[in-house]
Amino acid sequence: MKTRHSLTKRLTAGFIGVGAVFALAACGTPDDTATDTTAPGDPVATEPDMPAEDPSAAPSGNSVVDVAASDASFSTLVQAIEAAGLAEPLASGGPYTIFAPTNEAFEALPDGTLETLLQPENQDLLAQVLAYHVVPQEVMAADVATGEVPTVAGPSISVVVDEASGEVMVNEAMVIQTDIQADNGVIHAIDQVILPPGLEL
């Protein structure tokens, strides 16, 4: 469990210094929606008073995990995230960019691989594989550039942007859907499961 705990710790702690490869064109500022208006005698339970500097204090139910769970094409990924024990840190931390394998991508793994990864004794290995699909920064499709990008798992992924076609490759996987927005990040669908260097399944 040591590896999973380490990954979970890294997921929840957040990351800095991802590098210039995924330089953002513009930095968004949090939208200050807190008001001092209170109707006398009215309960305020429906709109909790949250500090402007801590927008993640009360999750809205639209985390990267929630958004993936609402899309049937990511049902296998969500099952794997839950089996790896990463649902909570991915839902509460961020921002993240998830290169999310579709159900078809998981089905393309060698026979028995997915079933083996989902077994409780392989939880650490599954967490390592999934963390390799997560970049600790929100990166929209328009801001992706060719280069090596560190992941939550540690090793970098290789991103290649074809300037002529606009196609984006992440290692050997192709990005097939972009900019699926969540409150704590963004999801880009890919057509293959990618593996950290040296990892054997």
N, C-alpha and C. Protein backbone atom coordinates (compact mmCIF):
# COMPACT_ATOMS: atom_id res chain seq x y z
N MET A 1 0.81 -1.21 0.00
CA MET A 1 0.00 0.00 0.00
C MET A 1 0.85 1.27 0.00
N LYS A 2 2.15 1.10 0.20
CA LYS A 2 3.02 2.27 0.33
C LYS A 2 2.99 3.12 -0.94
N THR A 3 3.05 2.44 -2.12
CA THR A 3 3.06 3.18 -3.37
C THR A 3 1.78 3.96 -3.55
N ARG A 4 0.62 3.32 -3.29
CA ARG A 4 -0.66 4.00 -3.46
C ARG A 4 -0.76 5.18 -2.52
N HIS A 5 -0.32 4.98 -1.26
CA HIS A 5 -0.39 6.08 -0.30
C HIS A 5 0.47 7.25 -0.77
N SER A 6 1.63 6.92 -1.35
CA SER A 6 2.52 7.97 -1.84
C SER A 6 1.86 8.74 -2.98
N LEU A 7 1.23 8.00 -3.92
CA LEU A 7 0.55 8.65 -5.04
C LEU A 7 -0.61 9.49 -4.56
N THR A 8 -1.38 8.95 -3.61
CA THR A 8 -2.51 9.68 -3.07
C THR A 8 -2.04 10.96 -2.41
N LYS A 9 -0.94 10.87 -1.68
CA LYS A 9 -0.38 12.04 -1.00
C LYS A 9 0.02 13.10 -2.02
N ARG A 10 0.64 12.64 -3.12
CA ARG A 10 1.08 13.58 -4.15
C ARG A 10 -0.11 14.20 -4.86
N LEU A 11 -1.17 13.41 -5.05
CA LEU A 11 -2.37 13.93 -5.70
C LEU A 11 -3.02 15.01 -4.86
N THR A 12 -3.12 14.76 -3.55
CA THR A 12 -3.82 15.71 -2.70
C THR A 12 -2.97 16.93 -2.38
N ALA A 13 -1.66 16.79 -2.38
CA ALA A 13 -0.79 17.91 -2.01
C ALA A 13 -0.72 18.96 -3.11
N GLY A 14 -0.90 18.54 -4.36
CA GLY A 14 -0.79 19.50 -5.47
C GLY A 14 0.63 19.56 -5.97
N PHE A 15 0.83 20.13 -7.17
CA PHE A 15 2.14 20.15 -7.78
C PHE A 15 2.43 21.53 -8.35
N ILE A 16 3.74 21.86 -8.37
CA ILE A 16 4.18 23.11 -8.99
C ILE A 16 5.36 22.80 -9.89
N GLY A 17 5.69 23.73 -10.75
CA GLY A 17 6.86 23.58 -11.61
C GLY A 17 6.69 22.54 -12.68
N VAL A 18 5.53 22.46 -13.30
CA VAL A 18 5.32 21.48 -14.36
C VAL A 18 6.19 21.79 -15.56
N GLY A 19 6.54 23.05 -15.75
CA GLY A 19 7.42 23.41 -16.85
C GLY A 19 6.70 24.21 -17.92
N ALA A 20 7.46 24.66 -18.90
CA ALA A 20 6.92 25.55 -19.91
C ALA A 20 6.24 24.83 -21.06
N VAL A 21 6.33 23.49 -21.07
CA VAL A 21 5.75 22.75 -22.19
C VAL A 21 4.26 23.00 -22.30
N PHE A 22 3.57 23.04 -21.16
CA PHE A 22 2.14 23.29 -21.15
C PHE A 22 1.88 24.72 -20.68
N ALA A 23 2.60 25.68 -21.22
CA ALA A 23 2.41 27.07 -20.79
C ALA A 23 1.00 27.51 -21.13
N LEU A 24 0.37 28.14 -20.17
CA LEU A 24 -1.00 28.60 -20.40
C LEU A 24 -0.96 29.97 -21.05
N ALA A 25 -1.85 30.17 -22.00
CA ALA A 25 -1.90 31.45 -22.69
C ALA A 25 -2.43 32.54 -21.78
N ALA A 26 -3.33 32.18 -20.90
CA ALA A 26 -3.87 33.17 -19.96
C ALA A 26 -4.24 32.49 -18.67
N CYS A 27 -4.08 33.20 -17.58
CA CYS A 27 -4.44 32.63 -16.28
C CYS A 27 -5.80 33.18 -15.88
N GLY A 28 -6.74 32.28 -15.62
CA GLY A 28 -8.06 32.70 -15.19
C GLY A 28 -8.03 33.11 -13.73
N THR A 29 -8.88 34.04 -13.37
CA THR A 29 -8.96 34.43 -11.98
C THR A 29 -10.26 33.91 -11.40
N PRO A 30 -10.25 33.50 -10.12
CA PRO A 30 -11.47 32.97 -9.52
C PRO A 30 -12.57 34.01 -9.55
N ASP A 31 -13.78 33.54 -9.80
CA ASP A 31 -14.92 34.45 -9.86
C ASP A 31 -15.45 34.67 -8.46
N ASP A 32 -15.34 35.89 -7.98
CA ASP A 32 -15.82 36.23 -6.64
C ASP A 32 -17.33 36.40 -6.68
N THR A 33 -18.04 35.43 -6.10
CA THR A 33 -19.49 35.52 -6.13
C THR A 33 -20.08 35.68 -4.74
N ALA A 34 -19.22 35.80 -3.73
CA ALA A 34 -19.71 35.93 -2.36
C ALA A 34 -20.37 37.30 -2.19
N THR A 35 -21.51 37.29 -1.52
CA THR A 35 -22.19 38.56 -1.25
C THR A 35 -22.52 38.65 0.22
N ASP A 36 -22.79 39.89 0.67
CA ASP A 36 -23.14 40.13 2.07
C ASP A 36 -24.65 40.23 2.26
N THR A 37 -25.42 40.00 1.18
CA THR A 37 -26.86 40.18 1.26
C THR A 37 -27.50 39.00 1.97
N THR A 38 -28.17 39.26 3.05
CA THR A 38 -28.86 38.21 3.79
C THR A 38 -30.26 38.69 4.12
N ALA A 39 -31.23 37.90 3.69
CA ALA A 39 -32.61 38.28 4.00
C ALA A 39 -32.92 37.92 5.43
N PRO A 40 -33.44 38.86 6.23
CA PRO A 40 -33.72 38.59 7.64
C PRO A 40 -34.69 37.43 7.79
N GLY A 41 -34.31 36.49 8.65
CA GLY A 41 -35.18 35.36 8.95
C GLY A 41 -35.08 34.22 7.95
N ASP A 42 -34.39 34.44 6.82
CA ASP A 42 -34.26 33.38 5.82
C ASP A 42 -33.09 32.48 6.15
N PRO A 43 -33.26 31.16 6.05
CA PRO A 43 -32.12 30.25 6.26
C PRO A 43 -31.13 30.39 5.11
N VAL A 44 -29.84 30.19 5.40
CA VAL A 44 -28.81 30.33 4.38
C VAL A 44 -28.18 28.99 4.03
N ALA A 45 -28.86 27.92 4.35
CA ALA A 45 -28.31 26.58 4.12
C ALA A 45 -28.10 26.28 2.65
N THR A 46 -28.93 26.85 1.78
CA THR A 46 -28.81 26.54 0.36
C THR A 46 -27.61 27.22 -0.29
N GLU A 47 -27.11 28.30 0.27
CA GLU A 47 -25.95 28.98 -0.27
C GLU A 47 -24.94 29.26 0.83
N PRO A 48 -24.07 28.27 1.08
CA PRO A 48 -23.11 28.44 2.17
C PRO A 48 -22.16 29.60 1.89
N ASP A 49 -21.81 30.31 2.95
CA ASP A 49 -20.90 31.44 2.84
C ASP A 49 -19.48 30.90 2.81
N MET A 50 -18.83 30.91 1.62
CA MET A 50 -17.50 30.35 1.48
C MET A 50 -16.48 31.45 1.23
N PRO A 51 -15.30 31.31 1.82
CA PRO A 51 -14.25 32.31 1.59
C PRO A 51 -13.88 32.36 0.12
N ALA A 52 -13.69 33.55 -0.40
CA ALA A 52 -13.36 33.70 -1.82
C ALA A 52 -12.03 33.04 -2.16
N GLU A 53 -11.10 32.99 -1.21
CA GLU A 53 -9.78 32.44 -1.50
C GLU A 53 -9.74 30.92 -1.43
N ASP A 54 -10.87 30.29 -1.04
CA ASP A 54 -10.88 28.83 -0.94
C ASP A 54 -12.10 28.26 -1.66
N PRO A 55 -12.11 28.34 -3.02
CA PRO A 55 -13.28 27.90 -3.76
C PRO A 55 -13.50 26.40 -3.71
N SER A 56 -12.49 25.62 -3.27
CA SER A 56 -12.64 24.17 -3.22
C SER A 56 -13.17 23.68 -1.88
N ALA A 57 -13.51 24.59 -0.98
CA ALA A 57 -13.96 24.18 0.35
C ALA A 57 -15.22 23.35 0.30
N ALA A 58 -16.12 23.61 -0.65
CA ALA A 58 -17.34 22.83 -0.78
C ALA A 58 -17.48 22.35 -2.21
N PRO A 59 -17.11 21.06 -2.49
CA PRO A 59 -17.16 20.54 -3.86
C PRO A 59 -18.56 20.67 -4.45
N SER A 60 -18.63 21.02 -5.72
CA SER A 60 -19.93 21.23 -6.36
C SER A 60 -20.45 19.99 -7.05
N GLY A 61 -19.68 18.90 -7.06
CA GLY A 61 -20.14 17.69 -7.73
C GLY A 61 -19.77 17.65 -9.20
N ASN A 62 -18.87 18.53 -9.64
CA ASN A 62 -18.43 18.53 -11.03
C ASN A 62 -16.92 18.38 -11.12
N SER A 63 -16.35 17.52 -10.30
CA SER A 63 -14.92 17.26 -10.35
C SER A 63 -14.61 16.44 -11.60
N VAL A 64 -13.33 16.25 -11.89
CA VAL A 64 -12.95 15.43 -13.05
C VAL A 64 -13.51 14.02 -12.92
N VAL A 65 -13.60 13.52 -11.69
CA VAL A 65 -14.15 12.17 -11.48
C VAL A 65 -15.65 12.17 -11.76
N ASP A 66 -16.36 13.18 -11.26
CA ASP A 66 -17.81 13.28 -11.50
C ASP A 66 -18.12 13.41 -12.99
N VAL A 67 -17.36 14.25 -13.68
CA VAL A 67 -17.59 14.47 -15.11
C VAL A 67 -17.31 13.18 -15.89
N ALA A 68 -16.23 12.49 -15.54
CA ALA A 68 -15.93 11.21 -16.21
C ALA A 68 -17.04 10.19 -15.94
N ALA A 69 -17.54 10.18 -14.70
CA ALA A 69 -18.59 9.22 -14.33
C ALA A 69 -19.90 9.49 -15.07
N SER A 70 -20.09 10.73 -15.50
CA SER A 70 -21.33 11.08 -16.20
C SER A 70 -21.26 10.74 -17.69
N ASP A 71 -20.09 10.29 -18.16
CA ASP A 71 -19.91 9.95 -19.57
C ASP A 71 -19.71 8.44 -19.69
N ALA A 72 -20.62 7.77 -20.35
CA ALA A 72 -20.58 6.30 -20.45
C ALA A 72 -19.30 5.79 -21.10
N SER A 73 -18.65 6.60 -21.93
CA SER A 73 -17.43 6.14 -22.60
C SER A 73 -16.23 6.05 -21.66
N PHE A 74 -16.37 6.58 -20.43
CA PHE A 74 -15.29 6.50 -19.45
C PHE A 74 -15.64 5.58 -18.27
N SER A 75 -16.63 4.73 -18.42
CA SER A 75 -17.07 3.91 -17.28
C SER A 75 -15.97 2.98 -16.78
N THR A 76 -15.17 2.44 -17.67
CA THR A 76 -14.07 1.56 -17.24
C THR A 76 -13.01 2.35 -16.50
N LEU A 77 -12.71 3.55 -16.98
CA LEU A 77 -11.75 4.41 -16.29
C LEU A 77 -12.21 4.73 -14.88
N VAL A 78 -13.47 5.09 -14.73
CA VAL A 78 -14.01 5.42 -13.41
C VAL A 78 -13.95 4.21 -12.49
N GLN A 79 -14.26 3.04 -13.03
CA GLN A 79 -14.16 1.80 -12.25
C GLN A 79 -12.72 1.60 -11.77
N ALA A 80 -11.76 1.86 -12.65
CA ALA A 80 -10.35 1.70 -12.31
C ALA A 80 -9.91 2.73 -11.27
N ILE A 81 -10.37 3.98 -11.42
CA ILE A 81 -10.03 5.03 -10.45
C ILE A 81 -10.51 4.64 -9.06
N GLU A 82 -11.73 4.12 -8.98
CA GLU A 82 -12.28 3.71 -7.69
C GLU A 82 -11.52 2.51 -7.13
N ALA A 83 -11.18 1.56 -7.98
CA ALA A 83 -10.45 0.37 -7.53
C ALA A 83 -9.05 0.73 -7.02
N ALA A 84 -8.45 1.79 -7.61
CA ALA A 84 -7.11 2.22 -7.21
C ALA A 84 -7.12 3.10 -5.97
N GLY A 85 -8.31 3.48 -5.50
CA GLY A 85 -8.39 4.35 -4.33
C GLY A 85 -8.05 5.80 -4.63
N LEU A 86 -8.20 6.22 -5.89
CA LEU A 86 -7.82 7.58 -6.28
C LEU A 86 -9.02 8.49 -6.50
N ALA A 87 -10.23 7.99 -6.30
CA ALA A 87 -11.42 8.81 -6.56
C ALA A 87 -11.46 10.05 -5.70
N GLU A 88 -11.21 9.91 -4.41
CA GLU A 88 -11.29 11.06 -3.51
C GLU A 88 -10.23 12.11 -3.79
N PRO A 89 -8.94 11.73 -3.90
CA PRO A 89 -7.94 12.77 -4.18
C PRO A 89 -8.12 13.44 -5.53
N LEU A 90 -8.56 12.70 -6.55
CA LEU A 90 -8.79 13.32 -7.85
C LEU A 90 -10.02 14.23 -7.84
N ALA A 91 -10.97 13.91 -6.97
CA ALA A 91 -12.18 14.72 -6.90
C ALA A 91 -11.97 15.99 -6.07
N SER A 92 -11.09 15.92 -5.08
CA SER A 92 -10.95 17.05 -4.15
C SER A 92 -9.74 17.93 -4.43
N GLY A 93 -8.74 17.40 -5.15
CA GLY A 93 -7.53 18.19 -5.43
C GLY A 93 -7.61 18.88 -6.78
N GLY A 94 -6.45 19.24 -7.28
CA GLY A 94 -6.40 19.83 -8.60
C GLY A 94 -5.79 21.23 -8.60
N PRO A 95 -5.77 21.86 -9.75
CA PRO A 95 -6.39 21.41 -11.00
C PRO A 95 -5.56 20.32 -11.69
N TYR A 96 -6.26 19.48 -12.46
CA TYR A 96 -5.63 18.37 -13.17
C TYR A 96 -6.00 18.40 -14.64
N THR A 97 -5.13 17.82 -15.45
CA THR A 97 -5.46 17.45 -16.82
C THR A 97 -5.38 15.94 -16.87
N ILE A 98 -6.48 15.30 -17.26
CA ILE A 98 -6.50 13.84 -17.35
C ILE A 98 -6.59 13.44 -18.81
N PHE A 99 -5.60 12.67 -19.25
CA PHE A 99 -5.66 12.05 -20.57
C PHE A 99 -6.37 10.71 -20.34
N ALA A 100 -7.66 10.70 -20.64
CA ALA A 100 -8.55 9.62 -20.20
C ALA A 100 -8.76 8.57 -21.28
N PRO A 101 -8.30 7.34 -21.03
CA PRO A 101 -8.56 6.26 -21.98
C PRO A 101 -10.06 5.93 -22.01
N THR A 102 -10.59 5.76 -23.19
CA THR A 102 -11.99 5.37 -23.34
C THR A 102 -12.15 3.89 -22.99
N ASN A 103 -13.40 3.43 -22.93
CA ASN A 103 -13.65 2.01 -22.69
C ASN A 103 -12.97 1.16 -23.75
N GLU A 104 -13.02 1.63 -25.00
CA GLU A 104 -12.39 0.88 -26.10
C GLU A 104 -10.87 0.79 -25.90
N ALA A 105 -10.28 1.84 -25.35
CA ALA A 105 -8.84 1.81 -25.09
C ALA A 105 -8.49 0.73 -24.07
N PHE A 106 -9.31 0.60 -23.03
CA PHE A 106 -9.07 -0.45 -22.03
C PHE A 106 -9.31 -1.83 -22.64
N GLU A 107 -10.32 -1.93 -23.51
CA GLU A 107 -10.62 -3.22 -24.14
C GLU A 107 -9.49 -3.68 -25.06
N ALA A 108 -8.70 -2.73 -25.55
CA ALA A 108 -7.60 -3.05 -26.46
C ALA A 108 -6.36 -3.60 -25.74
N LEU A 109 -6.37 -3.54 -24.40
CA LEU A 109 -5.25 -4.12 -23.64
C LEU A 109 -5.23 -5.64 -23.87
N PRO A 110 -4.07 -6.26 -23.72
CA PRO A 110 -4.01 -7.72 -23.87
C PRO A 110 -5.04 -8.41 -22.98
N ASP A 111 -5.54 -9.54 -23.45
CA ASP A 111 -6.56 -10.29 -22.71
C ASP A 111 -6.16 -10.52 -21.26
N GLY A 112 -7.06 -10.20 -20.36
CA GLY A 112 -6.85 -10.46 -18.94
C GLY A 112 -6.12 -9.35 -18.20
N THR A 113 -5.55 -8.37 -18.94
CA THR A 113 -4.76 -7.31 -18.29
C THR A 113 -5.62 -6.45 -17.38
N LEU A 114 -6.75 -6.00 -17.89
CA LEU A 114 -7.61 -5.14 -17.09
C LEU A 114 -8.13 -5.87 -15.86
N GLU A 115 -8.55 -7.09 -16.05
CA GLU A 115 -9.06 -7.88 -14.92
C GLU A 115 -8.00 -8.04 -13.85
N THR A 116 -6.75 -8.27 -14.29
CA THR A 116 -5.64 -8.42 -13.35
C THR A 116 -5.39 -7.12 -12.59
N LEU A 117 -5.41 -5.99 -13.31
CA LEU A 117 -5.16 -4.69 -12.67
C LEU A 117 -6.24 -4.35 -11.65
N LEU A 118 -7.46 -4.79 -11.89
CA LEU A 118 -8.56 -4.45 -10.99
C LEU A 118 -8.60 -5.30 -9.73
N GLN A 119 -7.76 -6.31 -9.65
CA GLN A 119 -7.73 -7.14 -8.45
C GLN A 119 -7.10 -6.36 -7.30
N PRO A 120 -7.64 -6.53 -6.08
CA PRO A 120 -7.17 -5.76 -4.91
C PRO A 120 -5.66 -5.85 -4.68
N GLU A 121 -5.06 -6.99 -4.95
CA GLU A 121 -3.62 -7.12 -4.71
C GLU A 121 -2.78 -6.30 -5.68
N ASN A 122 -3.39 -5.81 -6.77
CA ASN A 122 -2.67 -5.00 -7.75
C ASN A 122 -3.06 -3.52 -7.69
N GLN A 123 -3.60 -3.10 -6.56
CA GLN A 123 -4.07 -1.73 -6.40
C GLN A 123 -2.95 -0.71 -6.61
N ASP A 124 -1.77 -0.98 -6.08
CA ASP A 124 -0.65 -0.05 -6.22
C ASP A 124 -0.24 0.09 -7.69
N LEU A 125 -0.19 -1.03 -8.40
CA LEU A 125 0.18 -1.00 -9.82
C LEU A 125 -0.85 -0.23 -10.63
N LEU A 126 -2.12 -0.46 -10.35
CA LEU A 126 -3.19 0.24 -11.04
C LEU A 126 -3.11 1.75 -10.77
N ALA A 127 -2.84 2.12 -9.54
CA ALA A 127 -2.71 3.54 -9.19
C ALA A 127 -1.56 4.18 -9.95
N GLN A 128 -0.47 3.44 -10.11
CA GLN A 128 0.69 3.95 -10.84
C GLN A 128 0.34 4.18 -12.32
N VAL A 129 -0.37 3.23 -12.91
CA VAL A 129 -0.78 3.36 -14.31
C VAL A 129 -1.70 4.57 -14.50
N LEU A 130 -2.69 4.70 -13.63
CA LEU A 130 -3.64 5.80 -13.76
C LEU A 130 -2.98 7.16 -13.53
N ALA A 131 -2.08 7.23 -12.55
CA ALA A 131 -1.41 8.50 -12.25
C ALA A 131 -0.55 8.97 -13.42
N TYR A 132 -0.14 8.04 -14.28
CA TYR A 132 0.66 8.39 -15.45
C TYR A 132 -0.19 9.11 -16.50
N HIS A 133 -1.50 9.07 -16.34
CA HIS A 133 -2.41 9.75 -17.26
C HIS A 133 -2.80 11.15 -16.77
N VAL A 134 -2.24 11.55 -15.62
CA VAL A 134 -2.67 12.80 -14.99
C VAL A 134 -1.52 13.81 -14.93
N VAL A 135 -1.78 15.00 -15.45
CA VAL A 135 -0.83 16.12 -15.38
C VAL A 135 -1.33 17.07 -14.28
N PRO A 136 -0.47 17.49 -13.37
CA PRO A 136 -0.89 18.32 -12.24
C PRO A 136 -1.09 19.79 -12.58
N GLN A 137 -1.86 20.05 -13.60
CA GLN A 137 -2.12 21.42 -14.04
C GLN A 137 -3.25 21.33 -15.07
N GLU A 138 -4.12 22.34 -15.10
CA GLU A 138 -5.18 22.34 -16.12
C GLU A 138 -4.62 22.88 -17.42
N VAL A 139 -4.73 22.09 -18.49
CA VAL A 139 -4.21 22.49 -19.79
C VAL A 139 -5.30 22.27 -20.85
N MET A 140 -5.80 23.34 -21.41
CA MET A 140 -6.79 23.25 -22.47
C MET A 140 -6.10 22.87 -23.78
N ALA A 141 -6.87 22.34 -24.72
CA ALA A 141 -6.31 21.86 -25.98
C ALA A 141 -5.53 22.94 -26.71
N ALA A 142 -6.01 24.16 -26.67
CA ALA A 142 -5.34 25.26 -27.38
C ALA A 142 -3.96 25.58 -26.81
N ASP A 143 -3.69 25.14 -25.58
CA ASP A 143 -2.43 25.47 -24.92
C ASP A 143 -1.42 24.32 -24.95
N VAL A 144 -1.81 23.20 -25.56
CA VAL A 144 -0.90 22.04 -25.61
C VAL A 144 0.20 22.30 -26.63
N ALA A 145 1.43 21.95 -26.26
CA ALA A 145 2.57 22.11 -27.16
C ALA A 145 3.43 20.85 -27.11
N THR A 146 4.20 20.62 -28.14
CA THR A 146 5.08 19.46 -28.21
C THR A 146 6.15 19.52 -27.12
N GLY A 147 6.38 18.39 -26.46
CA GLY A 147 7.43 18.32 -25.45
C GLY A 147 7.19 17.22 -24.44
N GLU A 148 8.07 17.16 -23.45
CA GLU A 148 7.95 16.19 -22.36
C GLU A 148 7.23 16.86 -21.19
N VAL A 149 6.23 16.19 -20.65
CA VAL A 149 5.42 16.78 -19.60
C VAL A 149 5.38 15.85 -18.38
N PRO A 150 5.81 16.32 -17.21
CA PRO A 150 5.76 15.50 -16.00
C PRO A 150 4.32 15.14 -15.64
N THR A 151 4.17 13.94 -15.10
CA THR A 151 2.86 13.47 -14.66
C THR A 151 2.83 13.28 -13.16
N VAL A 152 1.65 13.02 -12.63
CA VAL A 152 1.51 12.76 -11.20
C VAL A 152 2.30 11.51 -10.80
N ALA A 153 2.45 10.57 -11.73
CA ALA A 153 3.18 9.34 -11.44
C ALA A 153 4.68 9.59 -11.31
N GLY A 154 5.18 10.72 -11.85
CA GLY A 154 6.61 11.02 -11.80
C GLY A 154 7.20 11.09 -13.19
N PRO A 155 7.23 9.95 -13.93
CA PRO A 155 7.78 9.99 -15.28
C PRO A 155 6.97 10.90 -16.20
N SER A 156 7.65 11.45 -17.20
CA SER A 156 6.98 12.36 -18.13
C SER A 156 6.31 11.61 -19.26
N ILE A 157 5.29 12.24 -19.83
CA ILE A 157 4.70 11.75 -21.06
C ILE A 157 5.24 12.59 -22.20
N SER A 158 5.27 12.00 -23.40
CA SER A 158 5.74 12.70 -24.59
C SER A 158 4.52 13.19 -25.36
N VAL A 159 4.41 14.49 -25.51
CA VAL A 159 3.29 15.08 -26.24
C VAL A 159 3.81 15.61 -27.58
N VAL A 160 3.12 15.23 -28.64
CA VAL A 160 3.50 15.69 -29.98
C VAL A 160 2.27 16.28 -30.65
N VAL A 161 2.39 17.55 -31.06
CA VAL A 161 1.31 18.23 -31.75
C VAL A 161 1.66 18.33 -33.22
N ASP A 162 0.80 17.79 -34.09
CA ASP A 162 0.98 17.92 -35.53
C ASP A 162 0.40 19.26 -35.95
N GLU A 163 1.28 20.18 -36.28
CA GLU A 163 0.85 21.54 -36.58
C GLU A 163 -0.06 21.60 -37.81
N ALA A 164 0.15 20.69 -38.76
CA ALA A 164 -0.65 20.70 -39.98
C ALA A 164 -2.07 20.21 -39.74
N SER A 165 -2.19 19.08 -39.06
CA SER A 165 -3.52 18.48 -38.86
C SER A 165 -4.17 18.88 -37.56
N GLY A 166 -3.34 19.32 -36.60
CA GLY A 166 -3.87 19.64 -35.28
C GLY A 166 -3.99 18.43 -34.38
N GLU A 167 -3.63 17.25 -34.87
CA GLU A 167 -3.70 16.03 -34.07
C GLU A 167 -2.67 16.08 -32.95
N VAL A 168 -3.05 15.50 -31.81
CA VAL A 168 -2.16 15.46 -30.65
C VAL A 168 -1.94 14.01 -30.25
N MET A 169 -0.69 13.64 -30.10
CA MET A 169 -0.33 12.29 -29.63
C MET A 169 0.25 12.41 -28.23
N VAL A 170 -0.15 11.49 -27.37
CA VAL A 170 0.40 11.39 -26.02
C VAL A 170 1.04 10.01 -25.94
N ASN A 171 2.37 9.98 -25.96
CA ASN A 171 3.09 8.72 -26.18
C ASN A 171 2.55 8.11 -27.48
N GLU A 172 1.99 6.89 -27.40
CA GLU A 172 1.48 6.24 -28.62
C GLU A 172 -0.03 6.43 -28.77
N ALA A 173 -0.65 7.16 -27.87
CA ALA A 173 -2.10 7.34 -27.91
C ALA A 173 -2.47 8.65 -28.61
N MET A 174 -3.59 8.61 -29.31
CA MET A 174 -4.08 9.82 -29.97
C MET A 174 -5.20 10.45 -29.14
N VAL A 175 -5.17 11.77 -29.04
CA VAL A 175 -6.25 12.49 -28.37
C VAL A 175 -7.43 12.54 -29.34
N ILE A 176 -8.59 12.00 -28.91
CA ILE A 176 -9.75 11.90 -29.81
C ILE A 176 -10.90 12.81 -29.39
N GLN A 177 -10.82 13.39 -28.21
CA GLN A 177 -11.82 14.37 -27.76
C GLN A 177 -11.13 15.29 -26.76
N THR A 178 -11.41 16.57 -26.85
CA THR A 178 -10.69 17.53 -26.01
C THR A 178 -11.63 18.39 -25.18
N ASP A 179 -11.03 19.02 -24.18
CA ASP A 179 -11.67 20.08 -23.40
C ASP A 179 -13.01 19.69 -22.77
N ILE A 180 -13.03 18.53 -22.12
CA ILE A 180 -14.20 18.14 -21.34
C ILE A 180 -13.98 18.77 -19.97
N GLN A 181 -14.67 19.87 -19.72
CA GLN A 181 -14.37 20.73 -18.58
C GLN A 181 -14.99 20.23 -17.27
N ALA A 182 -14.21 20.31 -16.21
CA ALA A 182 -14.68 20.02 -14.85
C ALA A 182 -14.29 21.19 -13.96
N ASP A 183 -14.79 21.19 -12.74
CA ASP A 183 -14.48 22.29 -11.82
C ASP A 183 -13.01 22.30 -11.41
N ASN A 184 -12.39 21.12 -11.34
CA ASN A 184 -11.00 21.06 -10.89
C ASN A 184 -10.06 20.54 -11.96
N GLY A 185 -10.41 20.82 -13.22
CA GLY A 185 -9.51 20.42 -14.29
C GLY A 185 -10.22 20.16 -15.59
N VAL A 186 -9.52 19.45 -16.46
CA VAL A 186 -10.06 19.18 -17.80
C VAL A 186 -9.68 17.75 -18.20
N ILE A 187 -10.54 17.15 -19.02
CA ILE A 187 -10.32 15.79 -19.51
C ILE A 187 -10.15 15.83 -21.02
N HIS A 188 -9.13 15.10 -21.51
CA HIS A 188 -8.96 14.88 -22.94
C HIS A 188 -9.00 13.36 -23.15
N ALA A 189 -9.90 12.88 -23.99
CA ALA A 189 -10.02 11.44 -24.23
C ALA A 189 -8.90 10.95 -25.16
N ILE A 190 -8.35 9.78 -24.85
CA ILE A 190 -7.33 9.17 -25.70
C ILE A 190 -7.74 7.75 -26.07
N ASP A 191 -7.15 7.24 -27.16
CA ASP A 191 -7.59 5.96 -27.70
C ASP A 191 -6.75 4.77 -27.25
N GLN A 192 -5.79 4.99 -26.35
CA GLN A 192 -4.98 3.90 -25.82
C GLN A 192 -4.66 4.15 -24.36
N VAL A 193 -4.42 3.08 -23.61
CA VAL A 193 -3.90 3.20 -22.26
C VAL A 193 -2.39 3.35 -22.38
N ILE A 194 -1.83 4.35 -21.73
CA ILE A 194 -0.38 4.57 -21.79
C ILE A 194 0.25 4.07 -20.49
N LEU A 195 1.47 3.58 -20.60
CA LEU A 195 2.14 2.98 -19.45
C LEU A 195 3.44 3.71 -19.13
N PRO A 196 3.74 3.87 -17.83
CA PRO A 196 5.02 4.48 -17.44
C PRO A 196 6.20 3.68 -17.98
N PRO A 197 7.31 4.35 -18.26
CA PRO A 197 8.49 3.65 -18.78
C PRO A 197 8.93 2.51 -17.87
N GLY A 198 9.22 1.38 -18.46
CA GLY A 198 9.72 0.24 -17.69
C GLY A 198 8.66 -0.58 -16.99
N LEU A 199 7.41 -0.15 -17.05
CA LEU A 199 6.35 -0.88 -16.38
C LEU A 199 5.88 -2.03 -17.26
N GLU A 200 5.81 -3.21 -16.68
CA GLU A 200 5.35 -4.37 -17.42
C GLU A 200 4.07 -4.88 -16.81
N LEU A 201 3.10 -5.20 -17.66
CA LEU A 201 1.83 -5.73 -17.18
C LEU A 201 1.72 -7.22 -17.50
